[in-house]
Amino acid sequence: MNIQAEKPLLEDHLLNNDYGSGLNAAVYGLNGDKKPEIVVANKNGVFHFGNILKWVSGL
């Protein structure tokens, strides 16, 4: 049996283009909904980008 997986679809999503240098980013589940969220820290502060998307099964 020869099973070939399709290539994953990756899309760019601009979160913010005003961070400058010294950027530290991490992905965590912060609020307990089991979805990853992005946390960014730099000289301007700490920023949290929540994940408001719904999980879709069968993809």
N, C-alpha and C. Protein backbone atom coordinates (compact mmCIF):
# COMPACT_ATOMS: atom_id res chain seq x y z
N MET A 1 0.85 -1.16 0.00
CA MET A 1 0.00 0.00 0.00
C MET A 1 0.90 1.24 0.00
N ASN A 2 0.65 2.14 -0.91
CA ASN A 2 1.43 3.37 -1.01
C ASN A 2 0.54 4.55 -0.64
N ILE A 3 0.82 5.13 0.52
CA ILE A 3 0.03 6.27 0.98
C ILE A 3 0.94 7.50 0.99
N GLN A 4 0.52 8.54 0.29
CA GLN A 4 1.29 9.77 0.26
C GLN A 4 0.45 10.88 0.88
N ALA A 5 1.00 11.54 1.84
CA ALA A 5 0.30 12.65 2.49
C ALA A 5 0.43 13.90 1.63
N GLU A 6 -0.61 14.70 1.66
CA GLU A 6 -0.54 15.98 0.97
C GLU A 6 0.39 16.91 1.73
N LYS A 7 0.96 17.86 1.02
CA LYS A 7 1.83 18.84 1.67
C LYS A 7 1.00 19.72 2.59
N PRO A 8 1.53 20.05 3.76
CA PRO A 8 0.78 20.93 4.66
C PRO A 8 0.64 22.33 4.06
N LEU A 9 -0.48 22.96 4.35
CA LEU A 9 -0.73 24.31 3.88
C LEU A 9 -0.29 25.30 4.95
N LEU A 10 0.69 26.12 4.62
CA LEU A 10 1.19 27.12 5.55
C LEU A 10 0.88 28.50 5.00
N GLU A 11 0.29 29.33 5.83
CA GLU A 11 -0.04 30.68 5.42
C GLU A 11 0.61 31.68 6.38
N ASP A 12 1.11 32.79 5.84
CA ASP A 12 1.64 33.86 6.67
C ASP A 12 0.49 34.69 7.23
N HIS A 13 0.62 35.07 8.48
CA HIS A 13 -0.36 35.95 9.12
C HIS A 13 0.41 37.03 9.87
N LEU A 14 0.25 38.27 9.44
CA LEU A 14 0.94 39.38 10.08
C LEU A 14 0.23 39.73 11.38
N LEU A 15 0.96 39.65 12.49
CA LEU A 15 0.40 40.02 13.79
C LEU A 15 0.63 41.49 14.08
N ASN A 16 1.84 41.95 13.82
CA ASN A 16 2.19 43.34 14.06
C ASN A 16 3.52 43.60 13.37
N ASN A 17 3.66 44.72 12.71
CA ASN A 17 4.92 45.01 12.02
C ASN A 17 5.68 46.15 12.68
N ASP A 18 5.43 46.42 13.97
CA ASP A 18 6.06 47.54 14.66
C ASP A 18 6.81 47.09 15.92
N TYR A 19 7.48 45.94 15.88
CA TYR A 19 8.16 45.45 17.07
C TYR A 19 9.61 45.89 17.15
N GLY A 20 10.27 46.03 16.04
CA GLY A 20 11.67 46.42 16.07
C GLY A 20 12.57 45.24 16.41
N SER A 21 13.76 45.55 16.90
CA SER A 21 14.73 44.49 17.20
C SER A 21 14.58 44.01 18.64
N GLY A 22 15.27 42.93 18.97
CA GLY A 22 15.23 42.38 20.32
C GLY A 22 13.95 41.65 20.61
N LEU A 23 13.41 40.98 19.62
CA LEU A 23 12.13 40.30 19.74
C LEU A 23 12.30 38.90 20.32
N ASN A 24 11.50 38.57 21.34
CA ASN A 24 11.43 37.22 21.90
C ASN A 24 9.99 36.75 21.76
N ALA A 25 9.81 35.59 21.18
CA ALA A 25 8.45 35.08 20.96
C ALA A 25 8.35 33.65 21.46
N ALA A 26 7.17 33.27 21.94
CA ALA A 26 6.92 31.91 22.41
C ALA A 26 5.45 31.58 22.15
N VAL A 27 5.17 30.30 22.05
CA VAL A 27 3.81 29.83 21.87
C VAL A 27 3.43 28.98 23.08
N TYR A 28 2.37 29.36 23.76
CA TYR A 28 1.92 28.68 24.96
C TYR A 28 0.40 28.59 24.96
N GLY A 29 -0.14 27.69 25.76
CA GLY A 29 -1.56 27.68 26.06
C GLY A 29 -1.75 28.37 27.40
N LEU A 30 -2.18 29.60 27.38
CA LEU A 30 -2.24 30.40 28.61
C LEU A 30 -3.57 30.36 29.33
N ASN A 31 -4.67 30.23 28.59
CA ASN A 31 -5.96 30.40 29.25
C ASN A 31 -6.73 29.10 29.47
N GLY A 32 -6.10 27.96 29.24
CA GLY A 32 -6.72 26.68 29.56
C GLY A 32 -7.66 26.13 28.51
N ASP A 33 -7.76 26.76 27.33
CA ASP A 33 -8.67 26.25 26.30
C ASP A 33 -8.00 25.25 25.37
N LYS A 34 -6.76 24.87 25.66
CA LYS A 34 -5.98 23.89 24.90
C LYS A 34 -5.66 24.34 23.48
N LYS A 35 -5.69 25.64 23.23
CA LYS A 35 -5.29 26.20 21.94
C LYS A 35 -4.03 27.05 22.16
N PRO A 36 -3.08 26.98 21.24
CA PRO A 36 -1.84 27.75 21.42
C PRO A 36 -2.09 29.24 21.22
N GLU A 37 -1.37 30.03 22.02
CA GLU A 37 -1.41 31.48 21.91
C GLU A 37 0.01 32.00 21.81
N ILE A 38 0.19 33.16 21.21
CA ILE A 38 1.52 33.71 20.98
C ILE A 38 1.79 34.81 22.00
N VAL A 39 2.97 34.74 22.61
CA VAL A 39 3.42 35.77 23.55
C VAL A 39 4.71 36.36 22.99
N VAL A 40 4.76 37.68 22.89
CA VAL A 40 5.92 38.37 22.35
C VAL A 40 6.40 39.39 23.37
N ALA A 41 7.72 39.42 23.59
CA ALA A 41 8.30 40.40 24.51
C ALA A 41 9.47 41.09 23.82
N ASN A 42 9.55 42.40 24.02
CA ASN A 42 10.68 43.17 23.52
C ASN A 42 10.82 44.43 24.36
N LYS A 43 11.59 45.39 23.91
CA LYS A 43 11.82 46.60 24.69
C LYS A 43 10.56 47.45 24.86
N ASN A 44 9.55 47.20 24.04
CA ASN A 44 8.29 47.96 24.13
C ASN A 44 7.28 47.33 25.08
N GLY A 45 7.54 46.12 25.56
CA GLY A 45 6.62 45.47 26.49
C GLY A 45 6.36 44.02 26.15
N VAL A 46 5.33 43.45 26.76
CA VAL A 46 4.92 42.07 26.54
C VAL A 46 3.55 42.09 25.88
N PHE A 47 3.38 41.30 24.82
CA PHE A 47 2.15 41.29 24.06
C PHE A 47 1.61 39.87 23.95
N HIS A 48 0.32 39.73 24.11
CA HIS A 48 -0.35 38.42 24.06
C HIS A 48 -1.32 38.42 22.90
N PHE A 49 -1.20 37.43 22.03
CA PHE A 49 -2.11 37.26 20.90
C PHE A 49 -2.91 35.99 21.15
N GLY A 50 -4.14 36.14 21.55
CA GLY A 50 -5.00 35.00 21.86
C GLY A 50 -5.46 34.29 20.60
N ASN A 51 -5.73 33.02 20.74
CA ASN A 51 -6.21 32.20 19.64
C ASN A 51 -7.73 32.09 19.75
N ILE A 52 -8.44 32.76 18.86
CA ILE A 52 -9.91 32.76 18.93
C ILE A 52 -10.53 31.86 17.89
N LEU A 53 -9.70 31.10 17.17
CA LEU A 53 -10.22 30.20 16.15
C LEU A 53 -10.81 28.96 16.77
N LYS A 54 -11.75 28.35 16.06
CA LYS A 54 -12.35 27.09 16.51
C LYS A 54 -11.63 25.94 15.83
N TRP A 55 -11.46 24.84 16.56
CA TRP A 55 -10.86 23.65 15.98
C TRP A 55 -11.84 23.04 15.00
N VAL A 56 -11.34 22.57 13.88
CA VAL A 56 -12.16 21.92 12.85
C VAL A 56 -11.66 20.50 12.71
N SER A 57 -12.55 19.55 12.88
CA SER A 57 -12.14 18.14 12.75
C SER A 57 -12.27 17.70 11.29
N GLY A 58 -11.53 16.69 10.95
CA GLY A 58 -11.62 16.11 9.62
C GLY A 58 -10.74 16.75 8.58
N LEU A 59 -9.81 17.61 8.98
CA LEU A 59 -8.90 18.21 8.01
C LEU A 59 -7.68 17.37 7.82
